Amino acid sequence: MKIAVLPGDGIGPEVIGAAVDVLNHVTPDLETMYGDVGLECFSRRGEYLPEDTIDLIKHSDAVLFGAITTPLKAEGYRSPILRIRKEFDLYANLRPVRNPAPGIGLVDMDIVIVRENTEGMYTGDETVDAEGVDLRRRVSRAASERICRFARDLSETHKRKRITCVHKANVLRKSDGLFRDVFYEVMEGSIIESRDMIVDAAAAALVSNPQEMDVIVTLNLYGDILSDEAAALAGGLGIAPSANLGDRHALFEPVHGSAPDIAGMGIANPTAAFLTTAMMLEHIGRIEEAVRIRDAVTASLSAGHRTRDLGGGLGTIDFTKQVLSRL
């Protein structure tokens, strides 16, 4: 099997380098192939997402992605990750959120957020006039059906108890109303309990009553915000993995950004990259290796070996050594 590795910018190469060390340790038979993407790539090649990187993704079994730095000003700039999601139809953004070890996080939670990845507010279809900017927001029946089916099937496979459809149909009656209606159509006959919740209430529930939240399925912008909120409550973005999944392709990335302010300092937390790697291995059928990585991360953190963002003093390399020693 072939894994495309796209380290990207900032701390991306540091945490992905650590993740590849872990990956090679548990699955030495996998072939890793490196590609260029991001702002640093643009400075060298004049492109944020070269065609050879697109070709690399096409011919890989999965993609391990780091982070990219968005330029402050760039005429015609288009986010590489948004382009990849669109071009490869990675319609499901999967964000499991759980405390990585006892004593980490503000609240205890074990939830999965399933976010529609191709429509909503992130169409990128903006029109500028003399008075301001118009954004075309898209919610389609087809996209709503497939993301709700994805959430239902995932919940049934992993024996989750409840799916909450999060929306704003009290204001956006037609678009979010369509999403909510489709959700109940898809859930009809399922053994999983189904309910819906206004996004405001869902944001509050993550803080005040997270144990009642199990699986959340929602639209693009809401999912983006709620998943970051949940990750912060569970221990921070440094521990948050994610997957971008389609019917034929899959890309896995730690949730945190490129963090240019700490890039090159050797203090970035690679936990999210390790857990993202575990998600990738699970996706390609290497379940045992995925479990080994998660167990090694939990054991390291539980023993008090932590990076600065989690209250410890270890850098990227030293924490990686702790995880490797437990593999």
C-alpha atoms as a PDB file:
ATOM      1  CA  MET A   1       0.000   0.000   0.000  1.00  0.00           C
ATOM      2  CA  LYS A   2       1.098   3.554  -0.737  1.00  0.00           C
ATOM      3  CA  ILE A   3       0.711   6.513   1.626  1.00  0.00           C
ATOM      4  CA  ALA A   4       1.072  10.052   0.244  1.00  0.00           C
ATOM      5  CA  VAL A   5       2.740  12.286   2.845  1.00  0.00           C
ATOM      6  CA  LEU A   6       2.176  16.045   2.490  1.00  0.00           C
ATOM      7  CA  PRO A   7       3.935  17.763   5.434  1.00  0.00           C
ATOM      8  CA  GLY A   8       3.083  21.344   4.369  1.00  0.00           C
ATOM      9  CA  ASP A   9       4.082  24.439   6.342  1.00  0.00           C
ATOM     10  CA  GLY A  10       4.994  25.584   9.854  1.00  0.00           C
ATOM     11  CA  ILE A  11       4.930  22.748  12.371  1.00  0.00           C
ATOM     12  CA  GLY A  12       3.490  20.415   9.735  1.00  0.00           C
ATOM     13  CA  PRO A  13       6.871  18.886   8.787  1.00  0.00           C
ATOM     14  CA  GLU A  14       7.784  18.461  12.468  1.00  0.00           C
ATOM     15  CA  VAL A  15       4.657  16.624  13.611  1.00  0.00           C
ATOM     16  CA  ILE A  16       4.261  14.664  10.385  1.00  0.00           C
ATOM     17  CA  GLY A  17       7.928  13.668  10.546  1.00  0.00           C
ATOM     18  CA  ALA A  18       7.270  12.293  14.029  1.00  0.00           C
ATOM     19  CA  ALA A  19       4.122  10.551  12.820  1.00  0.00           C
ATOM     20  CA  VAL A  20       5.997   8.896   9.961  1.00  0.00           C
ATOM     21  CA  ASP A  21       8.549   7.590  12.484  1.00  0.00           C
ATOM     22  CA  VAL A  22       5.687   5.979  14.387  1.00  0.00           C
ATOM     23  CA  LEU A  23       4.067   4.745  11.166  1.00  0.00           C
ATOM     24  CA  ASN A  24       7.296   3.127   9.979  1.00  0.00           C
ATOM     25  CA  HIS A  25       7.722   1.471  13.363  1.00  0.00           C
ATOM     26  CA  VAL A  26       4.350  -0.309  13.330  1.00  0.00           C
ATOM     27  CA  THR A  27       3.923  -0.799   9.558  1.00  0.00           C
ATOM     28  CA  PRO A  28       7.357  -1.015   7.910  1.00  0.00           C
ATOM     29  CA  ASP A  29       5.746  -2.606   4.849  1.00  0.00           C
ATOM     30  CA  LEU A  30       3.849   0.559   3.869  1.00  0.00           C
ATOM     31  CA  GLU A  31       5.402   2.758   1.177  1.00  0.00           C
ATOM     32  CA  THR A  32       5.480   6.495   1.925  1.00  0.00           C
ATOM     33  CA  MET A  33       5.756   9.001  -0.924  1.00  0.00           C
ATOM     34  CA  TYR A  34       6.261  12.719  -0.272  1.00  0.00           C
ATOM     35  CA  GLY A  35       4.575  15.621  -2.033  1.00  0.00           C
ATOM     36  CA  ASP A  36       4.649  19.441  -1.955  1.00  0.00           C
ATOM     37  CA  VAL A  37       1.802  21.659  -0.781  1.00  0.00           C
ATOM     38  CA  GLY A  38       1.304  25.045   0.872  1.00  0.00           C
ATOM     39  CA  LEU A  39       2.964  28.417   1.219  1.00  0.00           C
ATOM     40  CA  GLU A  40       6.524  27.089   1.362  1.00  0.00           C
ATOM     41  CA  CYS A  41       5.816  25.149  -1.816  1.00  0.00           C
ATOM     42  CA  PHE A  42       4.570  28.361  -3.449  1.00  0.00           C
ATOM     43  CA  SER A  43       7.784  30.184  -2.501  1.00  0.00           C
ATOM     44  CA  ARG A  44       9.822  27.531  -4.319  1.00  0.00           C
ATOM     45  CA  ARG A  45       7.588  26.506  -7.188  1.00  0.00           C
ATOM     46  CA  GLY A  46       5.033  29.274  -7.663  1.00  0.00           C
ATOM     47  CA  GLU A  47       2.128  26.922  -6.878  1.00  0.00           C
ATOM     48  CA  TYR A  48       0.282  26.106  -3.670  1.00  0.00           C
ATOM     49  CA  LEU A  49      -0.856  22.709  -4.944  1.00  0.00           C
ATOM     50  CA  PRO A  50       1.205  21.407  -7.894  1.00  0.00           C
ATOM     51  CA  GLU A  51      -0.233  18.929 -10.362  1.00  0.00           C
ATOM     52  CA  ASP A  52       2.342  16.299  -9.394  1.00  0.00           C
ATOM     53  CA  THR A  53       0.915  16.404  -5.859  1.00  0.00           C
ATOM     54  CA  ILE A  54      -2.595  15.928  -7.241  1.00  0.00           C
ATOM     55  CA  ASP A  55      -1.296  12.964  -9.242  1.00  0.00           C
ATOM     56  CA  LEU A  56       0.374  11.561  -6.129  1.00  0.00           C
ATOM     57  CA  ILE A  57      -2.928  11.700  -4.240  1.00  0.00           C
ATOM     58  CA  LYS A  58      -4.712   9.955  -7.121  1.00  0.00           C
ATOM     59  CA  HIS A  59      -2.329   7.007  -6.959  1.00  0.00           C
ATOM     60  CA  SER A  60      -2.164   6.599  -3.174  1.00  0.00           C
ATOM     61  CA  ASP A  61      -4.255   4.504  -0.807  1.00  0.00           C
ATOM     62  CA  ALA A  62      -4.441   7.323   1.749  1.00  0.00           C
ATOM     63  CA  VAL A  63      -2.978  10.776   2.388  1.00  0.00           C
ATOM     64  CA  LEU A  64      -1.265  11.957   5.574  1.00  0.00           C
ATOM     65  CA  PHE A  65      -1.467  15.754   5.572  1.00  0.00           C
ATOM     66  CA  GLY A  66       0.295  18.210   7.889  1.00  0.00           C
ATOM     67  CA  ALA A  67      -0.755  21.861   7.877  1.00  0.00           C
ATOM     68  CA  ILE A  68      -0.641  24.871   5.587  1.00  0.00           C
ATOM     69  CA  THR A  69      -0.099  28.559   6.217  1.00  0.00           C
ATOM     70  CA  THR A  70      -2.627  30.826   4.515  1.00  0.00           C
ATOM     71  CA  PRO A  71      -1.030  33.950   3.007  1.00  0.00           C
ATOM     72  CA  LEU A  72      -2.327  37.212   4.448  1.00  0.00           C
ATOM     73  CA  LYS A  73      -2.797  38.665   0.983  1.00  0.00           C
ATOM     74  CA  ALA A  74      -2.728  36.686  -2.239  1.00  0.00           C
ATOM     75  CA  GLU A  75      -4.779  37.555  -5.306  1.00  0.00           C
ATOM     76  CA  GLY A  76      -6.740  34.542  -6.450  1.00  0.00           C
ATOM     77  CA  TYR A  77      -5.526  32.321  -3.602  1.00  0.00           C
ATOM     78  CA  ARG A  78      -7.493  29.120  -3.171  1.00  0.00           C
ATOM     79  CA  SER A  79      -6.940  26.918  -0.145  1.00  0.00           C
ATOM     80  CA  PRO A  80      -5.155  23.698  -1.167  1.00  0.00           C
ATOM     81  CA  ILE A  81      -7.069  21.649   1.370  1.00  0.00           C
ATOM     82  CA  LEU A  82     -10.419  22.977   0.131  1.00  0.00           C
ATOM     83  CA  ARG A  83      -9.375  22.207  -3.437  1.00  0.00           C
ATOM     84  CA  ILE A  84      -8.373  18.659  -2.486  1.00  0.00           C
ATOM     85  CA  ARG A  85     -11.681  18.112  -0.707  1.00  0.00           C
ATOM     86  CA  LYS A  86     -13.594  19.310  -3.760  1.00  0.00           C
ATOM     87  CA  GLU A  87     -11.473  17.609  -6.412  1.00  0.00           C
ATOM     88  CA  PHE A  88     -11.504  14.221  -4.710  1.00  0.00           C
ATOM     89  CA  ASP A  89     -15.046  14.569  -3.343  1.00  0.00           C
ATOM     90  CA  LEU A  90     -14.001  14.095   0.278  1.00  0.00           C
ATOM     91  CA  TYR A  91     -17.493  14.844   1.479  1.00  0.00           C
ATOM     92  CA  ALA A  92     -17.261  13.585   5.076  1.00  0.00           C
ATOM     93  CA  ASN A  93     -15.103  15.293   7.668  1.00  0.00           C
ATOM     94  CA  LEU A  94     -14.784  12.952  10.635  1.00  0.00           C
ATOM     95  CA  ARG A  95     -13.690  14.392  13.982  1.00  0.00           C
ATOM     96  CA  PRO A  96     -13.605  12.007  16.943  1.00  0.00           C
ATOM     97  CA  VAL A  97     -13.118  13.953  20.175  1.00  0.00           C
ATOM     98  CA  ARG A  98     -12.143  12.243  23.414  1.00  0.00           C
ATOM     99  CA  ASN A  99      -9.806  12.907  26.305  1.00  0.00           C
ATOM    100  CA  PRO A 100      -6.489  11.250  25.381  1.00  0.00           C
ATOM    101  CA  ALA A 101      -5.659  10.330  28.986  1.00  0.00           C
ATOM    102  CA  PRO A 102      -7.070  10.826  32.506  1.00  0.00           C
ATOM    103  CA  GLY A 103      -6.592  14.330  33.857  1.00  0.00           C
ATOM    104  CA  ILE A 104      -6.396  15.998  30.441  1.00  0.00           C
ATOM    105  CA  GLY A 105      -9.204  18.311  29.358  1.00  0.00           C
ATOM    106  CA  LEU A 106     -11.798  20.516  31.000  1.00  0.00           C
ATOM    107  CA  VAL A 107     -14.691  18.065  30.638  1.00  0.00           C
ATOM    108  CA  ASP A 108     -14.966  14.343  29.955  1.00  0.00           C
ATOM    109  CA  MET A 109     -16.231  13.543  26.504  1.00  0.00           C
ATOM    110  CA  ASP A 110     -16.291  10.849  23.862  1.00  0.00           C
ATOM    111  CA  ILE A 111     -18.098  12.166  20.822  1.00  0.00           C
ATOM    112  CA  VAL A 112     -17.834  11.971  17.051  1.00  0.00           C
ATOM    113  CA  ILE A 113     -18.599  14.975  14.860  1.00  0.00           C
ATOM    114  CA  VAL A 114     -19.518  14.222  11.250  1.00  0.00           C
ATOM    115  CA  ARG A 115     -19.343  17.360   9.148  1.00  0.00           C
ATOM    116  CA  GLU A 116     -20.526  17.852   5.570  1.00  0.00           C
ATOM    117  CA  ASN A 117     -17.370  18.891   3.767  1.00  0.00           C
ATOM    118  CA  THR A 118     -18.290  20.212   0.311  1.00  0.00           C
ATOM    119  CA  GLU A 119     -21.157  22.706   0.600  1.00  0.00           C
ATOM    120  CA  GLY A 120     -22.643  25.152   3.105  1.00  0.00           C
ATOM    121  CA  MET A 121     -20.736  28.364   3.701  1.00  0.00           C
ATOM    122  CA  TYR A 122     -17.516  26.995   2.216  1.00  0.00           C
ATOM    123  CA  THR A 123     -18.513  27.108  -1.432  1.00  0.00           C
ATOM    124  CA  GLY A 124     -15.992  29.911  -1.951  1.00  0.00           C
ATOM    125  CA  ASP A 125     -18.491  31.517  -4.343  1.00  0.00           C
ATOM    126  CA  GLU A 126     -18.143  35.167  -3.314  1.00  0.00           C
ATOM    127  CA  THR A 127     -19.197  38.177  -5.362  1.00  0.00           C
ATOM    128  CA  VAL A 128     -17.786  41.627  -4.581  1.00  0.00           C
ATOM    129  CA  ASP A 129     -19.598  44.874  -5.366  1.00  0.00           C
ATOM    130  CA  ALA A 130     -19.209  48.486  -4.287  1.00  0.00           C
ATOM    131  CA  GLU A 131     -21.181  47.924  -1.077  1.00  0.00           C
ATOM    132  CA  GLY A 132     -19.750  44.620   0.128  1.00  0.00           C
ATOM    133  CA  VAL A 133     -19.574  40.917  -0.555  1.00  0.00           C
ATOM    134  CA  ASP A 134     -22.255  38.331  -1.301  1.00  0.00           C
ATOM    135  CA  LEU A 135     -21.654  34.654  -0.510  1.00  0.00           C
ATOM    136  CA  ARG A 136     -23.618  31.912  -2.203  1.00  0.00           C
ATOM    137  CA  ARG A 137     -24.474  29.234   0.366  1.00  0.00           C
ATOM    138  CA  ARG A 138     -25.402  25.780  -0.907  1.00  0.00           C
ATOM    139  CA  VAL A 139     -27.324  22.992   0.822  1.00  0.00           C
ATOM    140  CA  SER A 140     -28.448  20.195  -1.490  1.00  0.00           C
ATOM    141  CA  ARG A 141     -30.609  17.140  -0.879  1.00  0.00           C
ATOM    142  CA  ALA A 142     -27.988  14.818  -2.392  1.00  0.00           C
ATOM    143  CA  ALA A 143     -25.141  16.050  -0.158  1.00  0.00           C
ATOM    144  CA  SER A 144     -27.410  16.056   2.901  1.00  0.00           C
ATOM    145  CA  GLU A 145     -28.508  12.481   2.243  1.00  0.00           C
ATOM    146  CA  ARG A 146     -25.032  11.061   1.849  1.00  0.00           C
ATOM    147  CA  ILE A 147     -23.568  12.761   4.932  1.00  0.00           C
ATOM    148  CA  CYS A 148     -26.530  11.660   7.049  1.00  0.00           C
ATOM    149  CA  ARG A 149     -26.195   8.105   5.701  1.00  0.00           C
ATOM    150  CA  PHE A 150     -22.488   8.212   6.528  1.00  0.00           C
ATOM    151  CA  ALA A 151     -23.240   9.284  10.104  1.00  0.00           C
ATOM    152  CA  ARG A 152     -25.970   6.647  10.476  1.00  0.00           C
ATOM    153  CA  ASP A 153     -23.784   3.819   9.133  1.00  0.00           C
ATOM    154  CA  LEU A 154     -20.817   4.875  11.273  1.00  0.00           C
ATOM    155  CA  SER A 155     -23.017   4.991  14.377  1.00  0.00           C
ATOM    156  CA  GLU A 156     -24.485   1.557  13.712  1.00  0.00           C
ATOM    157  CA  THR A 157     -21.089   0.010  12.922  1.00  0.00           C
ATOM    158  CA  HIS A 158     -19.464   1.408  16.059  1.00  0.00           C
ATOM    159  CA  LYS A 159     -22.537   0.806  18.241  1.00  0.00           C
ATOM    160  CA  ARG A 160     -23.061   4.446  19.192  1.00  0.00           C
ATOM    161  CA  LYS A 161     -26.315   5.294  20.933  1.00  0.00           C
ATOM    162  CA  ARG A 162     -27.529   8.601  19.569  1.00  0.00           C
ATOM    163  CA  ILE A 163     -27.137  10.951  16.597  1.00  0.00           C
ATOM    164  CA  THR A 164     -27.888  14.640  16.983  1.00  0.00           C
ATOM    165  CA  CYS A 165     -28.560  16.650  13.822  1.00  0.00           C
ATOM    166  CA  VAL A 166     -27.276  20.188  14.450  1.00  0.00           C
ATOM    167  CA  HIS A 167     -28.714  23.047  12.387  1.00  0.00           C
ATOM    168  CA  LYS A 168     -30.149  26.571  12.443  1.00  0.00           C
ATOM    169  CA  ALA A 169     -33.517  25.823  10.865  1.00  0.00           C
ATOM    170  CA  ASN A 170     -35.282  28.285  13.158  1.00  0.00           C
ATOM    171  CA  VAL A 171     -33.686  31.059  11.073  1.00  0.00           C
ATOM    172  CA  LEU A 172     -32.519  29.377   7.859  1.00  0.00           C
ATOM    173  CA  ARG A 173     -35.820  27.617   7.364  1.00  0.00           C
ATOM    174  CA  LYS A 174     -35.383  26.347   3.811  1.00  0.00           C
ATOM    175  CA  SER A 175     -31.695  25.382   3.675  1.00  0.00           C
ATOM    176  CA  ASP A 176     -31.127  24.104   7.209  1.00  0.00           C
ATOM    177  CA  GLY A 177     -34.730  22.943   7.231  1.00  0.00           C
ATOM    178  CA  LEU A 178     -33.942  20.731   4.247  1.00  0.00           C
ATOM    179  CA  PHE A 179     -30.933  19.269   6.047  1.00  0.00           C
ATOM    180  CA  ARG A 180     -32.977  18.505   9.162  1.00  0.00           C
ATOM    181  CA  ASP A 181     -35.815  16.929   7.167  1.00  0.00           C
ATOM    182  CA  VAL A 182     -33.422  14.744   5.177  1.00  0.00           C
ATOM    183  CA  PHE A 183     -31.767  13.628   8.417  1.00  0.00           C
ATOM    184  CA  TYR A 184     -35.027  12.234   9.783  1.00  0.00           C
ATOM    185  CA  GLU A 185     -35.801  10.573   6.443  1.00  0.00           C
ATOM    186  CA  VAL A 186     -32.420   8.816   6.481  1.00  0.00           C
ATOM    187  CA  MET A 187     -32.764   7.790  10.136  1.00  0.00           C
ATOM    188  CA  GLU A 188     -36.203   6.249   9.698  1.00  0.00           C
ATOM    189  CA  GLY A 189     -36.024   2.607  10.759  1.00  0.00           C
ATOM    190  CA  SER A 190     -32.552   2.879  12.296  1.00  0.00           C
ATOM    191  CA  ILE A 191     -31.842   1.387  15.704  1.00  0.00           C
ATOM    192  CA  ILE A 192     -29.910   4.547  16.630  1.00  0.00           C
ATOM    193  CA  GLU A 193     -31.774   7.203  18.600  1.00  0.00           C
ATOM    194  CA  SER A 194     -32.117  10.381  16.519  1.00  0.00           C
ATOM    195  CA  ARG A 195     -32.819  13.962  17.541  1.00  0.00           C
ATOM    196  CA  ASP A 196     -32.057  17.483  16.339  1.00  0.00           C
ATOM    197  CA  MET A 197     -30.701  20.574  18.070  1.00  0.00           C
ATOM    198  CA  ILE A 198     -30.174  24.237  17.215  1.00  0.00           C
ATOM    199  CA  VAL A 199     -26.465  24.974  16.858  1.00  0.00           C
ATOM    200  CA  ASP A 200     -26.527  27.516  19.714  1.00  0.00           C
ATOM    201  CA  ALA A 201     -27.875  24.896  22.103  1.00  0.00           C
ATOM    202  CA  ALA A 202     -25.390  22.309  20.832  1.00  0.00           C
ATOM    203  CA  ALA A 203     -22.482  24.656  21.549  1.00  0.00           C
ATOM    204  CA  ALA A 204     -23.741  25.134  25.096  1.00  0.00           C
ATOM    205  CA  ALA A 205     -24.387  21.407  25.604  1.00  0.00           C
ATOM    206  CA  LEU A 206     -20.792  20.553  24.748  1.00  0.00           C
ATOM    207  CA  VAL A 207     -19.776  22.568  27.812  1.00  0.00           C
ATOM    208  CA  SER A 208     -22.608  21.906  30.240  1.00  0.00           C
ATOM    209  CA  ASN A 209     -23.701  18.376  29.363  1.00  0.00           C
ATOM    210  CA  PRO A 210     -21.169  16.709  27.026  1.00  0.00           C
ATOM    211  CA  GLN A 211     -22.077  13.193  28.185  1.00  0.00           C
ATOM    212  CA  GLU A 212     -25.436  13.581  26.427  1.00  0.00           C
ATOM    213  CA  MET A 213     -23.696  14.201  23.091  1.00  0.00           C
ATOM    214  CA  ASP A 214     -22.662  11.091  21.193  1.00  0.00           C
ATOM    215  CA  VAL A 215     -22.560  11.513  17.397  1.00  0.00           C
ATOM    216  CA  ILE A 216     -23.216  14.910  15.806  1.00  0.00           C
ATOM    217  CA  VAL A 217     -23.976  15.324  12.118  1.00  0.00           C
ATOM    218  CA  THR A 218     -24.034  18.855  10.795  1.00  0.00           C
ATOM    219  CA  LEU A 219     -23.260  21.285   8.003  1.00  0.00           C
ATOM    220  CA  ASN A 220     -19.834  22.630   7.101  1.00  0.00           C
ATOM    221  CA  LEU A 221     -19.458  25.829   9.128  1.00  0.00           C
ATOM    222  CA  TYR A 222     -21.223  24.514  12.240  1.00  0.00           C
ATOM    223  CA  GLY A 223     -19.075  21.386  12.201  1.00  0.00           C
ATOM    224  CA  ASP A 224     -15.896  23.402  11.839  1.00  0.00           C
ATOM    225  CA  ILE A 225     -16.694  25.541  14.884  1.00  0.00           C
ATOM    226  CA  LEU A 226     -18.204  22.845  17.118  1.00  0.00           C
ATOM    227  CA  SER A 227     -15.344  20.408  16.530  1.00  0.00           C
ATOM    228  CA  ASP A 228     -12.758  23.005  17.542  1.00  0.00           C
ATOM    229  CA  GLU A 229     -14.806  23.843  20.637  1.00  0.00           C
ATOM    230  CA  ALA A 230     -15.054  20.168  21.564  1.00  0.00           C
ATOM    231  CA  ALA A 231     -11.324  19.615  21.001  1.00  0.00           C
ATOM    232  CA  ALA A 232     -10.480  22.569  23.251  1.00  0.00           C
ATOM    233  CA  LEU A 233     -12.649  21.120  26.002  1.00  0.00           C
ATOM    234  CA  ALA A 234     -11.054  17.679  25.652  1.00  0.00           C
ATOM    235  CA  GLY A 235      -7.471  18.934  25.875  1.00  0.00           C
ATOM    236  CA  GLY A 236      -6.760  21.281  22.978  1.00  0.00           C
ATOM    237  CA  LEU A 237      -6.172  21.180  19.257  1.00  0.00           C
ATOM    238  CA  GLY A 238      -2.836  19.480  19.877  1.00  0.00           C
ATOM    239  CA  ILE A 239      -4.666  16.220  20.615  1.00  0.00           C
ATOM    240  CA  ALA A 240      -7.336  16.404  17.885  1.00  0.00           C
ATOM    241  CA  PRO A 241      -7.196  14.128  14.804  1.00  0.00           C
ATOM    242  CA  SER A 242      -9.447  14.215  11.748  1.00  0.00           C
ATOM    243  CA  ALA A 243     -10.233  12.477   8.483  1.00  0.00           C
ATOM    244  CA  ASN A 244     -11.595  13.723   5.167  1.00  0.00           C
ATOM    245  CA  LEU A 245     -13.337  10.780   3.544  1.00  0.00           C
ATOM    246  CA  GLY A 246     -14.890  10.084   0.175  1.00  0.00           C
ATOM    247  CA  ASP A 247     -16.010   6.944  -1.603  1.00  0.00           C
ATOM    248  CA  ARG A 248     -12.635   6.477  -3.335  1.00  0.00           C
ATOM    249  CA  HIS A 249     -10.068   8.654  -1.553  1.00  0.00           C
ATOM    250  CA  ALA A 250      -9.178   9.602   2.028  1.00  0.00           C
ATOM    251  CA  LEU A 251      -7.027  12.326   3.582  1.00  0.00           C
ATOM    252  CA  PHE A 252      -6.044  12.434   7.243  1.00  0.00           C
ATOM    253  CA  GLU A 253      -4.824  15.563   9.046  1.00  0.00           C
ATOM    254  CA  PRO A 254      -4.270  16.815  12.577  1.00  0.00           C
ATOM    255  CA  VAL A 255      -6.792  19.536  13.311  1.00  0.00           C
ATOM    256  CA  HIS A 256      -4.330  22.184  14.466  1.00  0.00           C
ATOM    257  CA  GLY A 257      -2.959  24.730  12.011  1.00  0.00           C
ATOM    258  CA  SER A 258       0.593  25.416  10.923  1.00  0.00           C
ATOM    259  CA  ALA A 259       1.386  27.479  14.076  1.00  0.00           C
ATOM    260  CA  PRO A 260       4.151  29.541  12.429  1.00  0.00           C
ATOM    261  CA  ASP A 261       4.907  31.232  15.761  1.00  0.00           C
ATOM    262  CA  ILE A 262       6.401  28.014  17.142  1.00  0.00           C
ATOM    263  CA  ALA A 263       7.602  26.405  13.907  1.00  0.00           C
ATOM    264  CA  GLY A 264      11.171  25.169  14.110  1.00  0.00           C
ATOM    265  CA  MET A 265      11.323  25.433  17.910  1.00  0.00           C
ATOM    266  CA  GLY A 266      10.829  21.706  18.469  1.00  0.00           C
ATOM    267  CA  ILE A 267       7.978  22.152  20.935  1.00  0.00           C
ATOM    268  CA  ALA A 268       4.943  21.217  18.804  1.00  0.00           C
ATOM    269  CA  ASN A 269       2.692  18.503  20.194  1.00  0.00           C
ATOM    270  CA  PRO A 270       2.633  15.521  17.790  1.00  0.00           C
ATOM    271  CA  THR A 271      -0.235  13.763  19.593  1.00  0.00           C
ATOM    272  CA  ALA A 272      -2.839  14.849  17.041  1.00  0.00           C
ATOM    273  CA  ALA A 273      -0.580  13.623  14.225  1.00  0.00           C
ATOM    274  CA  PHE A 274      -0.146  10.250  15.983  1.00  0.00           C
ATOM    275  CA  LEU A 275      -3.896   9.832  16.505  1.00  0.00           C
ATOM    276  CA  THR A 276      -4.519  10.925  12.920  1.00  0.00           C
ATOM    277  CA  THR A 277      -2.097   8.234  11.767  1.00  0.00           C
ATOM    278  CA  ALA A 278      -4.050   5.706  13.827  1.00  0.00           C
ATOM    279  CA  MET A 279      -7.262   6.799  12.083  1.00  0.00           C
ATOM    280  CA  MET A 280      -5.557   6.338   8.724  1.00  0.00           C
ATOM    281  CA  LEU A 281      -4.356   2.846   9.599  1.00  0.00           C
ATOM    282  CA  GLU A 282      -7.833   1.899  10.784  1.00  0.00           C
ATOM    283  CA  HIS A 283      -9.243   3.137   7.476  1.00  0.00           C
ATOM    284  CA  ILE A 284      -6.912   0.928   5.413  1.00  0.00           C
ATOM    285  CA  GLY A 285      -7.645  -2.116   7.558  1.00  0.00           C
ATOM    286  CA  ARG A 286      -4.617  -2.113   9.867  1.00  0.00           C
ATOM    287  CA  ILE A 287      -6.700  -2.200  13.025  1.00  0.00           C
ATOM    288  CA  GLU A 288      -4.159  -3.814  15.349  1.00  0.00           C
ATOM    289  CA  GLU A 289      -1.482  -1.235  14.505  1.00  0.00           C
ATOM    290  CA  ALA A 290      -3.960   1.607  15.020  1.00  0.00           C
ATOM    291  CA  VAL A 291      -4.809   0.296  18.488  1.00  0.00           C
ATOM    292  CA  ARG A 292      -1.115  -0.011  19.351  1.00  0.00           C
ATOM    293  CA  ILE A 293      -0.510   3.652  18.490  1.00  0.00           C
ATOM    294  CA  ARG A 294      -3.488   4.883  20.512  1.00  0.00           C
ATOM    295  CA  ASP A 295      -2.480   2.748  23.487  1.00  0.00           C
ATOM    296  CA  ALA A 296       1.114   4.012  23.335  1.00  0.00           C
ATOM    297  CA  VAL A 297      -0.052   7.638  23.255  1.00  0.00           C
ATOM    298  CA  THR A 298      -2.417   7.117  26.191  1.00  0.00           C
ATOM    299  CA  ALA A 299       0.246   5.283  28.185  1.00  0.00           C
ATOM    300  CA  SER A 300       2.810   8.033  27.585  1.00  0.00           C
ATOM    301  CA  LEU A 301       0.423  10.799  28.605  1.00  0.00           C
ATOM    302  CA  SER A 302      -0.858   8.844  31.610  1.00  0.00           C
ATOM    303  CA  ALA A 303       2.732   8.406  32.813  1.00  0.00           C
ATOM    304  CA  GLY A 304       3.093  12.193  32.860  1.00  0.00           C
ATOM    305  CA  HIS A 305       5.143  12.543  29.680  1.00  0.00           C
ATOM    306  CA  ARG A 306       3.545  15.589  28.077  1.00  0.00           C
ATOM    307  CA  THR A 307       4.339  18.522  25.841  1.00  0.00           C
ATOM    308  CA  ARG A 308       4.061  22.126  26.994  1.00  0.00           C
ATOM    309  CA  ASP A 309       0.514  22.682  25.785  1.00  0.00           C
ATOM    310  CA  LEU A 310      -0.602  19.827  28.067  1.00  0.00           C
ATOM    311  CA  GLY A 311       1.272  21.138  31.093  1.00  0.00           C
ATOM    312  CA  GLY A 312       4.487  19.174  30.616  1.00  0.00           C
ATOM    313  CA  GLY A 313       7.961  20.070  29.441  1.00  0.00           C
ATOM    314  CA  LEU A 314       8.753  17.674  26.602  1.00  0.00           C
ATOM    315  CA  GLY A 315       9.470  18.749  23.050  1.00  0.00           C
ATOM    316  CA  THR A 316       8.345  17.026  19.878  1.00  0.00           C
ATOM    317  CA  ILE A 317      11.288  14.626  19.671  1.00  0.00           C
ATOM    318  CA  ASP A 318      11.303  13.591  23.329  1.00  0.00           C
ATOM    319  CA  PHE A 319       7.573  12.926  23.392  1.00  0.00           C
ATOM    320  CA  THR A 320       7.908  10.904  20.198  1.00  0.00           C
ATOM    321  CA  LYS A 321      10.614   8.816  21.877  1.00  0.00           C
ATOM    322  CA  GLN A 322       8.252   8.099  24.756  1.00  0.00           C
ATOM    323  CA  VAL A 323       5.566   6.860  22.363  1.00  0.00           C
ATOM    324  CA  LEU A 324       8.051   4.790  20.344  1.00  0.00           C
ATOM    325  CA  SER A 325       9.373   3.190  23.535  1.00  0.00           C
ATOM    326  CA  ARG A 326       5.871   1.955  24.308  1.00  0.00           C
ATOM    327  CA  LEU A 327       5.430   0.435  20.864  1.00  0.00           C
END
